[in-house]
Amino acid sequence: MQPTFFITGTDTGVGKTVFTALFAQFLRAQKTRVAAFKPLCSGGRADAEALCAALDGALTLDEINPWHFRAAIAPVLAAKLEKKTVKLASVLTHIRATQKKFDVVLVEGAGGLLSPLGKNFDSRHLLVALRATPIIVAPNKLGVVNHLRLTLEALPKNLRAQAKVILMSPPKPDAATSSNVKLLEQFISSEKIFTAPWLGKRFDAAKVLQRSDVTRIFRKLV
């Protein structure tokens, strides 16, 4: 069975798509056949479009993101406004049918781990059903330790043991940025914590993937 990574976050807007797109490009550069999915999104398809660009034609936009809704609210509510329903079984069928052609599969959730995605399911349900390795993306700032611990506690014990944490550096560090890793190490193994540098609001992915402090993260994940 192909290695599958589920990228979730402590909240929305924490850098999940940046991380997933770079991960996909890194794997492609290693000649690995990689699929990346953003199964559901609402309020625009920019995240899915970023993944589509990262895959460079390996999947179409609709294969990456089959369910998308206009309203910038939780997908389950945005779908309801359009009188549509998305079921977990449909999402799983789509991913499983497509992933057979690839060596590694990346699945990006919407919002945090427990944010409702569709009818009676959230990212945790999808992650568990896919038996994926959880990757939790979070901003490296004051308060993140609590948010990460809550997210980890929400995972089933077996998946919690596999989970990796990616701390995304902010443009301006706060008082907690430099100490968060040490504090987190009291609760999870240091080998499961990675710190990504601030890349700027706009950056050249090819140049970023030449940086050892970035590629080191991806090499350790796979």
N, C-alpha and C. Protein backbone atom coordinates (compact mmCIF):
# COMPACT_ATOMS: atom_id res chain seq x y z
N MET A 1 0.84 -1.19 0.00
CA MET A 1 0.00 0.00 0.00
C MET A 1 0.88 1.25 0.00
N GLN A 2 0.53 2.23 -0.85
CA GLN A 2 1.34 3.44 -0.96
C GLN A 2 1.39 4.21 0.36
N PRO A 3 2.56 4.77 0.70
CA PRO A 3 2.61 5.66 1.87
C PRO A 3 1.65 6.83 1.66
N THR A 4 0.83 7.09 2.66
CA THR A 4 -0.14 8.18 2.58
C THR A 4 0.06 9.11 3.77
N PHE A 5 0.17 10.39 3.47
CA PHE A 5 0.34 11.42 4.51
C PHE A 5 -0.89 12.32 4.49
N PHE A 6 -1.42 12.58 5.67
CA PHE A 6 -2.57 13.49 5.77
C PHE A 6 -2.09 14.76 6.45
N ILE A 7 -2.19 15.87 5.73
CA ILE A 7 -1.71 17.14 6.25
C ILE A 7 -2.88 17.91 6.84
N THR A 8 -2.87 18.07 8.14
CA THR A 8 -3.89 18.85 8.82
C THR A 8 -3.20 20.00 9.54
N GLY A 9 -3.97 20.77 10.29
CA GLY A 9 -3.38 21.91 10.98
C GLY A 9 -4.07 22.20 12.28
N THR A 10 -3.50 23.10 13.04
CA THR A 10 -4.12 23.52 14.29
C THR A 10 -5.24 24.52 14.02
N ASP A 11 -5.32 25.02 12.79
CA ASP A 11 -6.32 26.02 12.43
C ASP A 11 -6.27 26.20 10.92
N THR A 12 -7.09 27.09 10.41
CA THR A 12 -7.00 27.44 9.00
C THR A 12 -5.93 28.52 8.82
N GLY A 13 -5.33 28.57 7.63
CA GLY A 13 -4.34 29.60 7.34
C GLY A 13 -3.02 29.45 8.05
N VAL A 14 -2.64 28.22 8.40
CA VAL A 14 -1.39 28.01 9.14
C VAL A 14 -0.23 27.56 8.26
N GLY A 15 -0.50 27.33 6.97
CA GLY A 15 0.59 26.95 6.06
C GLY A 15 0.48 25.53 5.52
N LYS A 16 -0.68 24.90 5.64
CA LYS A 16 -0.84 23.52 5.15
C LYS A 16 -0.56 23.40 3.66
N THR A 17 -1.12 24.33 2.90
CA THR A 17 -0.97 24.24 1.44
C THR A 17 0.47 24.52 1.02
N VAL A 18 1.11 25.49 1.62
CA VAL A 18 2.52 25.77 1.32
C VAL A 18 3.35 24.52 1.57
N PHE A 19 3.13 23.90 2.72
CA PHE A 19 3.90 22.70 3.06
C PHE A 19 3.59 21.56 2.08
N THR A 20 2.31 21.32 1.81
CA THR A 20 1.92 20.20 0.94
C THR A 20 2.46 20.37 -0.46
N ALA A 21 2.37 21.59 -0.99
CA ALA A 21 2.86 21.84 -2.34
C ALA A 21 4.38 21.64 -2.43
N LEU A 22 5.11 22.13 -1.44
CA LEU A 22 6.56 21.94 -1.43
C LEU A 22 6.93 20.48 -1.27
N PHE A 23 6.19 19.77 -0.44
CA PHE A 23 6.43 18.33 -0.25
C PHE A 23 6.25 17.60 -1.58
N ALA A 24 5.18 17.94 -2.28
CA ALA A 24 4.91 17.31 -3.58
C ALA A 24 6.03 17.60 -4.57
N GLN A 25 6.49 18.84 -4.61
CA GLN A 25 7.57 19.20 -5.54
C GLN A 25 8.88 18.52 -5.17
N PHE A 26 9.13 18.40 -3.88
CA PHE A 26 10.34 17.70 -3.44
C PHE A 26 10.30 16.24 -3.90
N LEU A 27 9.17 15.58 -3.72
CA LEU A 27 9.04 14.18 -4.12
C LEU A 27 9.18 14.01 -5.63
N ARG A 28 8.59 14.93 -6.37
CA ARG A 28 8.72 14.87 -7.83
C ARG A 28 10.18 15.01 -8.25
N ALA A 29 10.91 15.88 -7.57
CA ALA A 29 12.33 16.07 -7.88
C ALA A 29 13.14 14.81 -7.59
N GLN A 30 12.62 13.97 -6.68
CA GLN A 30 13.27 12.69 -6.37
C GLN A 30 12.80 11.57 -7.30
N LYS A 31 12.06 11.94 -8.34
CA LYS A 31 11.51 10.98 -9.32
C LYS A 31 10.47 10.05 -8.69
N THR A 32 9.81 10.55 -7.67
CA THR A 32 8.73 9.79 -7.02
C THR A 32 7.40 10.21 -7.61
N ARG A 33 6.60 9.25 -7.98
CA ARG A 33 5.26 9.55 -8.50
C ARG A 33 4.36 9.91 -7.31
N VAL A 34 3.97 11.17 -7.24
CA VAL A 34 3.22 11.65 -6.08
C VAL A 34 1.88 12.22 -6.50
N ALA A 35 0.85 11.89 -5.74
CA ALA A 35 -0.48 12.48 -5.90
C ALA A 35 -0.75 13.38 -4.70
N ALA A 36 -1.41 14.50 -4.94
CA ALA A 36 -1.79 15.40 -3.85
C ALA A 36 -3.26 15.76 -4.01
N PHE A 37 -4.00 15.64 -2.93
CA PHE A 37 -5.43 15.91 -2.96
C PHE A 37 -5.79 17.01 -1.96
N LYS A 38 -6.73 17.84 -2.35
CA LYS A 38 -7.43 18.74 -1.44
C LYS A 38 -8.90 18.43 -1.72
N PRO A 39 -9.42 17.33 -1.14
CA PRO A 39 -10.72 16.81 -1.58
C PRO A 39 -11.86 17.82 -1.50
N LEU A 40 -11.87 18.61 -0.42
CA LEU A 40 -12.93 19.59 -0.25
C LEU A 40 -12.34 20.96 0.04
N CYS A 41 -12.92 21.98 -0.54
CA CYS A 41 -12.54 23.34 -0.18
C CYS A 41 -13.73 24.27 -0.40
N SER A 42 -13.69 25.39 0.26
CA SER A 42 -14.77 26.36 0.13
C SER A 42 -14.18 27.76 0.12
N GLY A 43 -14.87 28.69 -0.54
CA GLY A 43 -14.39 30.05 -0.61
C GLY A 43 -13.30 30.27 -1.65
N GLY A 44 -13.24 29.41 -2.65
CA GLY A 44 -12.21 29.52 -3.70
C GLY A 44 -11.35 28.28 -3.77
N ARG A 45 -10.64 28.12 -4.87
CA ARG A 45 -9.85 26.91 -5.11
C ARG A 45 -8.35 27.20 -5.16
N ALA A 46 -7.93 28.30 -4.55
CA ALA A 46 -6.51 28.68 -4.62
C ALA A 46 -5.60 27.58 -4.07
N ASP A 47 -6.01 26.95 -2.97
CA ASP A 47 -5.18 25.88 -2.39
C ASP A 47 -5.03 24.72 -3.37
N ALA A 48 -6.14 24.31 -3.96
CA ALA A 48 -6.11 23.20 -4.91
C ALA A 48 -5.31 23.57 -6.15
N GLU A 49 -5.41 24.82 -6.57
CA GLU A 49 -4.65 25.28 -7.73
C GLU A 49 -3.15 25.26 -7.45
N ALA A 50 -2.77 25.56 -6.21
CA ALA A 50 -1.35 25.50 -5.83
C ALA A 50 -0.84 24.06 -5.89
N LEU A 51 -1.66 23.12 -5.45
CA LEU A 51 -1.27 21.71 -5.53
C LEU A 51 -1.20 21.25 -6.98
N CYS A 52 -2.13 21.72 -7.78
CA CYS A 52 -2.14 21.35 -9.20
C CYS A 52 -0.86 21.83 -9.88
N ALA A 53 -0.44 23.05 -9.57
CA ALA A 53 0.80 23.57 -10.14
C ALA A 53 2.01 22.76 -9.65
N ALA A 54 1.98 22.37 -8.39
CA ALA A 54 3.09 21.59 -7.82
C ALA A 54 3.23 20.23 -8.49
N LEU A 55 2.09 19.65 -8.90
CA LEU A 55 2.12 18.33 -9.53
C LEU A 55 2.45 18.40 -11.02
N ASP A 56 2.37 19.60 -11.60
CA ASP A 56 2.77 19.82 -12.98
C ASP A 56 2.09 18.84 -13.95
N GLY A 57 0.77 18.73 -13.81
CA GLY A 57 0.01 17.93 -14.76
C GLY A 57 -0.23 16.48 -14.38
N ALA A 58 0.31 16.03 -13.26
CA ALA A 58 0.11 14.63 -12.86
C ALA A 58 -1.36 14.33 -12.56
N LEU A 59 -2.08 15.34 -12.08
CA LEU A 59 -3.53 15.23 -11.84
C LEU A 59 -4.18 16.53 -12.29
N THR A 60 -5.42 16.44 -12.72
CA THR A 60 -6.16 17.65 -13.08
C THR A 60 -6.66 18.33 -11.81
N LEU A 61 -7.08 19.58 -11.95
CA LEU A 61 -7.61 20.31 -10.81
C LEU A 61 -8.82 19.60 -10.22
N ASP A 62 -9.69 19.06 -11.07
CA ASP A 62 -10.88 18.38 -10.56
C ASP A 62 -10.56 17.04 -9.92
N GLU A 63 -9.46 16.42 -10.31
CA GLU A 63 -9.03 15.19 -9.63
C GLU A 63 -8.47 15.53 -8.26
N ILE A 64 -7.74 16.61 -8.18
CA ILE A 64 -7.18 17.05 -6.90
C ILE A 64 -8.28 17.53 -5.96
N ASN A 65 -9.24 18.24 -6.51
CA ASN A 65 -10.28 18.90 -5.71
C ASN A 65 -11.66 18.71 -6.34
N PRO A 66 -12.24 17.53 -6.13
CA PRO A 66 -13.55 17.26 -6.76
C PRO A 66 -14.73 17.98 -6.15
N TRP A 67 -14.62 18.44 -4.89
CA TRP A 67 -15.73 19.12 -4.23
C TRP A 67 -15.29 20.52 -3.81
N HIS A 68 -15.93 21.51 -4.38
CA HIS A 68 -15.57 22.90 -4.03
C HIS A 68 -16.85 23.74 -4.01
N PHE A 69 -16.86 24.68 -3.08
CA PHE A 69 -18.08 25.46 -2.84
C PHE A 69 -17.71 26.94 -2.71
N ARG A 70 -18.67 27.80 -3.00
CA ARG A 70 -18.39 29.23 -3.10
C ARG A 70 -18.19 29.93 -1.76
N ALA A 71 -19.03 29.65 -0.80
CA ALA A 71 -18.99 30.40 0.46
C ALA A 71 -17.73 30.10 1.26
N ALA A 72 -17.12 31.15 1.82
CA ALA A 72 -15.89 31.00 2.60
C ALA A 72 -16.20 30.64 4.05
N ILE A 73 -16.83 29.48 4.21
CA ILE A 73 -17.17 28.93 5.53
C ILE A 73 -16.84 27.45 5.50
N ALA A 74 -17.06 26.75 6.60
CA ALA A 74 -16.75 25.31 6.63
C ALA A 74 -17.40 24.61 5.44
N PRO A 75 -16.68 23.68 4.79
CA PRO A 75 -17.22 23.02 3.60
C PRO A 75 -18.60 22.41 3.79
N VAL A 76 -18.86 21.83 4.96
CA VAL A 76 -20.16 21.20 5.17
C VAL A 76 -21.28 22.24 5.11
N LEU A 77 -21.03 23.45 5.60
CA LEU A 77 -22.03 24.51 5.56
C LEU A 77 -22.12 25.13 4.17
N ALA A 78 -20.95 25.31 3.53
CA ALA A 78 -20.93 25.86 2.18
C ALA A 78 -21.67 24.94 1.21
N ALA A 79 -21.50 23.63 1.38
CA ALA A 79 -22.21 22.67 0.54
C ALA A 79 -23.71 22.74 0.76
N LYS A 80 -24.10 22.91 2.01
CA LYS A 80 -25.52 22.99 2.34
C LYS A 80 -26.18 24.18 1.66
N LEU A 81 -25.46 25.30 1.59
CA LEU A 81 -25.99 26.49 0.92
C LEU A 81 -26.28 26.22 -0.55
N GLU A 82 -25.51 25.30 -1.13
CA GLU A 82 -25.68 24.95 -2.55
C GLU A 82 -26.53 23.69 -2.72
N LYS A 83 -27.17 23.28 -1.59
CA LYS A 83 -28.04 22.10 -1.60
C LYS A 83 -27.30 20.85 -2.08
N LYS A 84 -26.07 20.71 -1.60
CA LYS A 84 -25.24 19.56 -1.93
C LYS A 84 -24.80 18.85 -0.65
N THR A 85 -24.46 17.58 -0.80
CA THR A 85 -24.00 16.78 0.33
C THR A 85 -22.78 15.98 -0.10
N VAL A 86 -21.76 15.98 0.75
CA VAL A 86 -20.57 15.17 0.48
C VAL A 86 -20.46 14.11 1.57
N LYS A 87 -20.32 12.86 1.16
CA LYS A 87 -20.21 11.76 2.11
C LYS A 87 -18.78 11.22 2.15
N LEU A 88 -18.40 10.73 3.31
CA LEU A 88 -17.06 10.18 3.49
C LEU A 88 -16.77 9.09 2.48
N ALA A 89 -17.72 8.22 2.24
CA ALA A 89 -17.51 7.10 1.31
C ALA A 89 -17.16 7.59 -0.08
N SER A 90 -17.76 8.69 -0.50
CA SER A 90 -17.48 9.24 -1.84
C SER A 90 -16.06 9.77 -1.91
N VAL A 91 -15.61 10.43 -0.86
CA VAL A 91 -14.25 10.97 -0.83
C VAL A 91 -13.23 9.82 -0.86
N LEU A 92 -13.49 8.81 -0.06
CA LEU A 92 -12.58 7.66 -0.01
C LEU A 92 -12.51 6.95 -1.36
N THR A 93 -13.65 6.78 -2.00
CA THR A 93 -13.69 6.12 -3.30
C THR A 93 -12.86 6.89 -4.32
N HIS A 94 -12.99 8.21 -4.30
CA HIS A 94 -12.24 9.04 -5.25
C HIS A 94 -10.73 8.91 -5.02
N ILE A 95 -10.30 9.05 -3.78
CA ILE A 95 -8.86 8.99 -3.48
C ILE A 95 -8.30 7.61 -3.80
N ARG A 96 -9.01 6.58 -3.39
CA ARG A 96 -8.50 5.21 -3.59
C ARG A 96 -8.44 4.84 -5.06
N ALA A 97 -9.36 5.34 -5.86
CA ALA A 97 -9.36 5.02 -7.28
C ALA A 97 -8.19 5.68 -7.99
N THR A 98 -7.79 6.85 -7.50
CA THR A 98 -6.73 7.61 -8.14
C THR A 98 -5.34 7.24 -7.63
N GLN A 99 -5.23 6.90 -6.35
CA GLN A 99 -3.92 6.72 -5.74
C GLN A 99 -3.16 5.50 -6.25
N LYS A 100 -3.85 4.58 -6.91
CA LYS A 100 -3.21 3.36 -7.38
C LYS A 100 -2.07 3.62 -8.36
N LYS A 101 -2.12 4.78 -9.01
CA LYS A 101 -1.11 5.09 -10.03
C LYS A 101 0.14 5.74 -9.45
N PHE A 102 0.16 5.95 -8.13
CA PHE A 102 1.22 6.76 -7.53
C PHE A 102 1.99 6.02 -6.44
N ASP A 103 3.18 6.52 -6.14
CA ASP A 103 4.02 5.91 -5.11
C ASP A 103 3.73 6.48 -3.72
N VAL A 104 3.43 7.77 -3.66
CA VAL A 104 3.16 8.46 -2.40
C VAL A 104 1.91 9.31 -2.59
N VAL A 105 1.08 9.37 -1.56
CA VAL A 105 -0.16 10.14 -1.63
C VAL A 105 -0.17 11.18 -0.51
N LEU A 106 -0.46 12.43 -0.86
CA LEU A 106 -0.62 13.51 0.10
C LEU A 106 -2.07 13.96 0.08
N VAL A 107 -2.67 14.07 1.25
CA VAL A 107 -4.06 14.54 1.35
C VAL A 107 -4.09 15.72 2.31
N GLU A 108 -4.56 16.85 1.83
CA GLU A 108 -4.63 18.04 2.67
C GLU A 108 -6.07 18.25 3.14
N GLY A 109 -6.24 18.41 4.43
CA GLY A 109 -7.56 18.68 4.97
C GLY A 109 -7.93 20.14 4.81
N ALA A 110 -9.09 20.50 5.34
CA ALA A 110 -9.55 21.89 5.32
C ALA A 110 -9.73 22.34 6.76
N GLY A 111 -9.06 23.43 7.14
CA GLY A 111 -9.14 23.88 8.52
C GLY A 111 -8.39 22.94 9.45
N GLY A 112 -8.87 22.83 10.69
CA GLY A 112 -8.24 21.97 11.68
C GLY A 112 -8.75 20.55 11.61
N LEU A 113 -8.21 19.71 12.47
CA LEU A 113 -8.50 18.28 12.45
C LEU A 113 -9.99 17.97 12.63
N LEU A 114 -10.68 18.72 13.46
CA LEU A 114 -12.08 18.43 13.76
C LEU A 114 -13.06 19.36 13.04
N SER A 115 -12.55 20.18 12.13
CA SER A 115 -13.46 21.03 11.35
C SER A 115 -14.34 20.14 10.46
N PRO A 116 -15.65 20.29 10.51
CA PRO A 116 -16.55 19.44 9.70
C PRO A 116 -16.28 19.62 8.20
N LEU A 117 -16.14 18.50 7.49
CA LEU A 117 -15.90 18.54 6.06
C LEU A 117 -17.17 18.27 5.27
N GLY A 118 -17.86 17.19 5.64
CA GLY A 118 -19.07 16.79 4.93
C GLY A 118 -20.07 16.20 5.90
N LYS A 119 -21.01 15.45 5.36
CA LYS A 119 -22.07 14.89 6.18
C LYS A 119 -21.51 13.90 7.20
N ASN A 120 -21.52 14.28 8.45
CA ASN A 120 -21.10 13.43 9.56
C ASN A 120 -19.64 12.99 9.50
N PHE A 121 -18.77 13.80 8.90
CA PHE A 121 -17.35 13.45 8.96
C PHE A 121 -16.48 14.69 8.93
N ASP A 122 -15.27 14.54 9.49
CA ASP A 122 -14.28 15.61 9.52
C ASP A 122 -12.94 15.04 9.06
N SER A 123 -11.89 15.84 9.19
CA SER A 123 -10.57 15.38 8.74
C SER A 123 -10.10 14.15 9.51
N ARG A 124 -10.45 14.06 10.78
CA ARG A 124 -10.04 12.89 11.57
C ARG A 124 -10.64 11.61 11.00
N HIS A 125 -11.91 11.64 10.63
CA HIS A 125 -12.55 10.46 10.04
C HIS A 125 -11.83 10.05 8.74
N LEU A 126 -11.52 11.04 7.92
CA LEU A 126 -10.86 10.75 6.64
C LEU A 126 -9.45 10.21 6.86
N LEU A 127 -8.72 10.82 7.76
CA LEU A 127 -7.36 10.39 8.09
C LEU A 127 -7.34 8.94 8.57
N VAL A 128 -8.26 8.63 9.48
CA VAL A 128 -8.33 7.27 10.04
C VAL A 128 -8.68 6.26 8.95
N ALA A 129 -9.66 6.60 8.13
CA ALA A 129 -10.09 5.67 7.08
C ALA A 129 -8.98 5.41 6.07
N LEU A 130 -8.14 6.40 5.82
CA LEU A 130 -7.03 6.24 4.87
C LEU A 130 -5.81 5.59 5.50
N ARG A 131 -5.83 5.44 6.83
CA ARG A 131 -4.68 4.90 7.56
C ARG A 131 -3.42 5.70 7.24
N ALA A 132 -3.60 6.99 7.23
CA ALA A 132 -2.52 7.90 6.82
C ALA A 132 -1.67 8.33 8.01
N THR A 133 -0.44 8.70 7.71
CA THR A 133 0.44 9.29 8.72
C THR A 133 0.05 10.75 8.89
N PRO A 134 -0.30 11.19 10.11
CA PRO A 134 -0.70 12.58 10.29
C PRO A 134 0.50 13.52 10.30
N ILE A 135 0.38 14.61 9.58
CA ILE A 135 1.34 15.71 9.65
C ILE A 135 0.55 16.94 10.10
N ILE A 136 0.93 17.49 11.24
CA ILE A 136 0.20 18.63 11.80
C ILE A 136 1.02 19.89 11.59
N VAL A 137 0.48 20.80 10.82
CA VAL A 137 1.16 22.07 10.53
C VAL A 137 0.61 23.13 11.49
N ALA A 138 1.53 23.91 12.06
CA ALA A 138 1.13 24.91 13.05
C ALA A 138 2.06 26.11 13.00
N PRO A 139 1.57 27.30 13.33
CA PRO A 139 2.43 28.48 13.37
C PRO A 139 3.29 28.48 14.63
N ASN A 140 4.56 28.77 14.48
CA ASN A 140 5.46 28.75 15.63
C ASN A 140 5.35 30.08 16.39
N LYS A 141 4.32 30.15 17.22
CA LYS A 141 4.07 31.38 17.98
C LYS A 141 3.45 31.04 19.32
N LEU A 142 3.25 32.04 20.13
CA LEU A 142 2.66 31.86 21.45
C LEU A 142 1.29 31.19 21.34
N GLY A 143 1.08 30.15 22.16
CA GLY A 143 -0.19 29.44 22.18
C GLY A 143 -0.20 28.16 21.39
N VAL A 144 0.83 27.93 20.55
CA VAL A 144 0.80 26.78 19.66
C VAL A 144 0.94 25.45 20.41
N VAL A 145 1.62 25.44 21.55
CA VAL A 145 1.81 24.19 22.29
C VAL A 145 0.46 23.63 22.73
N ASN A 146 -0.40 24.50 23.25
CA ASN A 146 -1.73 24.07 23.63
C ASN A 146 -2.51 23.54 22.43
N HIS A 147 -2.47 24.26 21.32
CA HIS A 147 -3.21 23.85 20.13
C HIS A 147 -2.70 22.51 19.58
N LEU A 148 -1.39 22.33 19.62
CA LEU A 148 -0.83 21.06 19.14
C LEU A 148 -1.18 19.90 20.05
N ARG A 149 -1.13 20.13 21.35
CA ARG A 149 -1.47 19.06 22.28
C ARG A 149 -2.94 18.66 22.14
N LEU A 150 -3.80 19.62 21.93
CA LEU A 150 -5.22 19.31 21.73
C LEU A 150 -5.41 18.51 20.44
N THR A 151 -4.72 18.90 19.38
CA THR A 151 -4.83 18.18 18.11
C THR A 151 -4.30 16.76 18.25
N LEU A 152 -3.16 16.61 18.90
CA LEU A 152 -2.59 15.27 19.10
C LEU A 152 -3.51 14.40 19.95
N GLU A 153 -4.10 14.97 21.00
CA GLU A 153 -5.00 14.21 21.86
C GLU A 153 -6.25 13.76 21.10
N ALA A 154 -6.62 14.51 20.08
CA ALA A 154 -7.81 14.16 19.30
C ALA A 154 -7.57 12.99 18.34
N LEU A 155 -6.32 12.63 18.12
CA LEU A 155 -6.00 11.51 17.24
C LEU A 155 -6.11 10.18 17.99
N PRO A 156 -6.51 9.12 17.30
CA PRO A 156 -6.44 7.79 17.91
C PRO A 156 -5.01 7.49 18.34
N LYS A 157 -4.84 6.71 19.38
CA LYS A 157 -3.53 6.49 19.98
C LYS A 157 -2.50 5.99 18.97
N ASN A 158 -2.89 5.06 18.10
CA ASN A 158 -1.92 4.51 17.15
C ASN A 158 -1.45 5.55 16.15
N LEU A 159 -2.35 6.44 15.73
CA LEU A 159 -1.97 7.48 14.79
C LEU A 159 -1.23 8.62 15.48
N ARG A 160 -1.57 8.86 16.74
CA ARG A 160 -0.85 9.88 17.51
C ARG A 160 0.62 9.53 17.60
N ALA A 161 0.91 8.24 17.74
CA ALA A 161 2.31 7.79 17.84
C ALA A 161 3.08 8.02 16.55
N GLN A 162 2.36 8.09 15.41
CA GLN A 162 3.02 8.28 14.12
C GLN A 162 3.11 9.75 13.72
N ALA A 163 2.37 10.61 14.39
CA ALA A 163 2.20 12.00 13.95
C ALA A 163 3.51 12.78 13.94
N LYS A 164 3.63 13.65 12.95
CA LYS A 164 4.76 14.58 12.84
C LYS A 164 4.21 16.00 12.99
N VAL A 165 5.03 16.87 13.54
CA VAL A 165 4.64 18.27 13.74
C VAL A 165 5.56 19.17 12.93
N ILE A 166 4.96 20.07 12.16
CA ILE A 166 5.72 21.05 11.40
C ILE A 166 5.41 22.44 11.95
N LEU A 167 6.39 23.07 12.55
CA LEU A 167 6.23 24.43 13.05
C LEU A 167 6.66 25.41 11.96
N MET A 168 5.73 26.22 11.50
CA MET A 168 6.01 27.18 10.44
C MET A 168 6.46 28.50 11.07
N SER A 169 7.67 28.91 10.77
CA SER A 169 8.21 30.12 11.37
C SER A 169 7.44 31.35 10.88
N PRO A 170 7.15 32.29 11.78
CA PRO A 170 6.45 33.52 11.40
C PRO A 170 7.42 34.55 10.83
N PRO A 171 6.91 35.58 10.15
CA PRO A 171 7.81 36.63 9.64
C PRO A 171 8.53 37.37 10.77
N LYS A 172 7.83 37.52 11.90
CA LYS A 172 8.45 38.17 13.06
C LYS A 172 8.27 37.26 14.27
N PRO A 173 9.34 36.66 14.78
CA PRO A 173 9.22 35.79 15.96
C PRO A 173 8.64 36.54 17.15
N ASP A 174 7.86 35.82 17.97
CA ASP A 174 7.39 36.43 19.21
C ASP A 174 8.17 35.84 20.38
N ALA A 175 7.73 36.12 21.59
CA ALA A 175 8.49 35.70 22.78
C ALA A 175 8.56 34.19 22.92
N ALA A 176 7.62 33.46 22.30
CA ALA A 176 7.58 32.01 22.46
C ALA A 176 8.22 31.24 21.31
N THR A 177 8.48 31.90 20.20
CA THR A 177 8.96 31.20 19.01
C THR A 177 10.21 30.36 19.27
N SER A 178 11.16 30.92 19.98
CA SER A 178 12.44 30.22 20.19
C SER A 178 12.35 29.12 21.24
N SER A 179 11.31 29.11 22.05
CA SER A 179 11.21 28.12 23.13
C SER A 179 10.16 27.04 22.90
N ASN A 180 9.35 27.18 21.84
CA ASN A 180 8.26 26.23 21.64
C ASN A 180 8.74 24.79 21.42
N VAL A 181 9.82 24.63 20.67
CA VAL A 181 10.31 23.27 20.41
C VAL A 181 10.70 22.57 21.70
N LYS A 182 11.47 23.25 22.55
CA LYS A 182 11.90 22.64 23.82
C LYS A 182 10.71 22.28 24.69
N LEU A 183 9.70 23.13 24.69
CA LEU A 183 8.51 22.84 25.49
C LEU A 183 7.75 21.66 24.92
N LEU A 184 7.63 21.60 23.60
CA LEU A 184 6.94 20.48 22.96
C LEU A 184 7.64 19.15 23.21
N GLU A 185 8.96 19.19 23.32
CA GLU A 185 9.73 17.97 23.53
C GLU A 185 9.41 17.30 24.86
N GLN A 186 8.72 17.99 25.74
CA GLN A 186 8.27 17.38 26.99
C GLN A 186 7.08 16.45 26.76
N PHE A 187 6.45 16.59 25.59
CA PHE A 187 5.23 15.85 25.33
C PHE A 187 5.33 14.91 24.13
N ILE A 188 6.19 15.23 23.17
CA ILE A 188 6.39 14.36 22.01
C ILE A 188 7.88 14.29 21.69
N SER A 189 8.26 13.23 21.04
CA SER A 189 9.67 13.02 20.72
C SER A 189 10.22 14.14 19.84
N SER A 190 11.43 14.54 20.11
CA SER A 190 12.07 15.60 19.32
C SER A 190 12.21 15.20 17.85
N GLU A 191 12.29 13.89 17.59
CA GLU A 191 12.43 13.40 16.22
C GLU A 191 11.17 13.62 15.38
N LYS A 192 10.08 13.96 16.05
CA LYS A 192 8.81 14.17 15.34
C LYS A 192 8.46 15.64 15.18
N ILE A 193 9.38 16.51 15.60
CA ILE A 193 9.15 17.95 15.52
C ILE A 193 10.11 18.56 14.49
N PHE A 194 9.54 19.32 13.55
CA PHE A 194 10.35 19.96 12.52
C PHE A 194 9.99 21.44 12.46
N THR A 195 11.00 22.26 12.24
CA THR A 195 10.78 23.70 12.14
C THR A 195 11.10 24.16 10.72
N ALA A 196 10.09 24.74 10.07
CA ALA A 196 10.28 25.26 8.72
C ALA A 196 10.58 26.76 8.79
N PRO A 197 11.53 27.24 8.00
CA PRO A 197 11.88 28.67 8.04
C PRO A 197 10.79 29.53 7.41
N TRP A 198 10.80 30.81 7.74
CA TRP A 198 9.90 31.76 7.07
C TRP A 198 10.39 31.92 5.63
N LEU A 199 9.48 31.73 4.68
CA LEU A 199 9.85 31.75 3.27
C LEU A 199 9.43 33.03 2.57
N GLY A 200 8.69 33.88 3.26
CA GLY A 200 8.15 35.08 2.64
C GLY A 200 6.77 34.83 2.09
N LYS A 201 6.04 35.90 1.82
CA LYS A 201 4.69 35.75 1.29
C LYS A 201 4.71 35.20 -0.13
N ARG A 202 5.74 35.56 -0.87
CA ARG A 202 5.92 35.03 -2.22
C ARG A 202 7.34 34.48 -2.31
N PHE A 203 7.46 33.30 -2.88
CA PHE A 203 8.78 32.71 -2.97
C PHE A 203 8.87 31.81 -4.19
N ASP A 204 10.07 31.54 -4.61
CA ASP A 204 10.35 30.65 -5.73
C ASP A 204 10.55 29.24 -5.16
N ALA A 205 9.61 28.36 -5.45
CA ALA A 205 9.67 27.01 -4.88
C ALA A 205 10.95 26.28 -5.27
N ALA A 206 11.41 26.47 -6.49
CA ALA A 206 12.64 25.79 -6.93
C ALA A 206 13.82 26.22 -6.08
N LYS A 207 13.89 27.51 -5.76
CA LYS A 207 15.00 28.00 -4.93
C LYS A 207 14.85 27.52 -3.48
N VAL A 208 13.62 27.50 -3.01
CA VAL A 208 13.38 27.02 -1.64
C VAL A 208 13.84 25.58 -1.49
N LEU A 209 13.59 24.77 -2.52
CA LEU A 209 13.94 23.35 -2.45
C LEU A 209 15.43 23.10 -2.66
N GLN A 210 16.19 24.15 -2.79
CA GLN A 210 17.65 24.03 -2.80
C GLN A 210 18.22 24.29 -1.40
N ARG A 211 17.36 24.70 -0.49
CA ARG A 211 17.80 25.02 0.87
C ARG A 211 17.84 23.75 1.72
N SER A 212 18.94 23.52 2.37
CA SER A 212 19.09 22.31 3.18
C SER A 212 18.16 22.29 4.38
N ASP A 213 17.83 23.48 4.93
CA ASP A 213 16.96 23.51 6.10
C ASP A 213 15.51 23.17 5.73
N VAL A 214 15.19 23.20 4.44
CA VAL A 214 13.86 22.80 3.97
C VAL A 214 13.88 21.33 3.54
N THR A 215 14.83 20.96 2.69
CA THR A 215 14.86 19.59 2.18
C THR A 215 15.12 18.57 3.28
N ARG A 216 15.81 19.00 4.34
CA ARG A 216 16.08 18.10 5.46
C ARG A 216 14.77 17.58 6.08
N ILE A 217 13.78 18.45 6.14
CA ILE A 217 12.48 18.07 6.70
C ILE A 217 11.86 16.96 5.86
N PHE A 218 11.80 17.17 4.56
CA PHE A 218 11.15 16.20 3.68
C PHE A 218 11.90 14.87 3.63
N ARG A 219 13.22 14.94 3.67
CA ARG A 219 14.01 13.69 3.65
C ARG A 219 13.71 12.84 4.89
N LYS A 220 13.53 13.49 6.03
CA LYS A 220 13.25 12.75 7.25
C LYS A 220 11.83 12.22 7.31
N LEU A 221 10.92 12.86 6.57
CA LEU A 221 9.54 12.41 6.56
C LEU A 221 9.36 11.13 5.75
N VAL A 222 10.17 11.00 4.71
CA VAL A 222 10.02 9.83 3.84
C VAL A 222 11.18 8.84 4.01
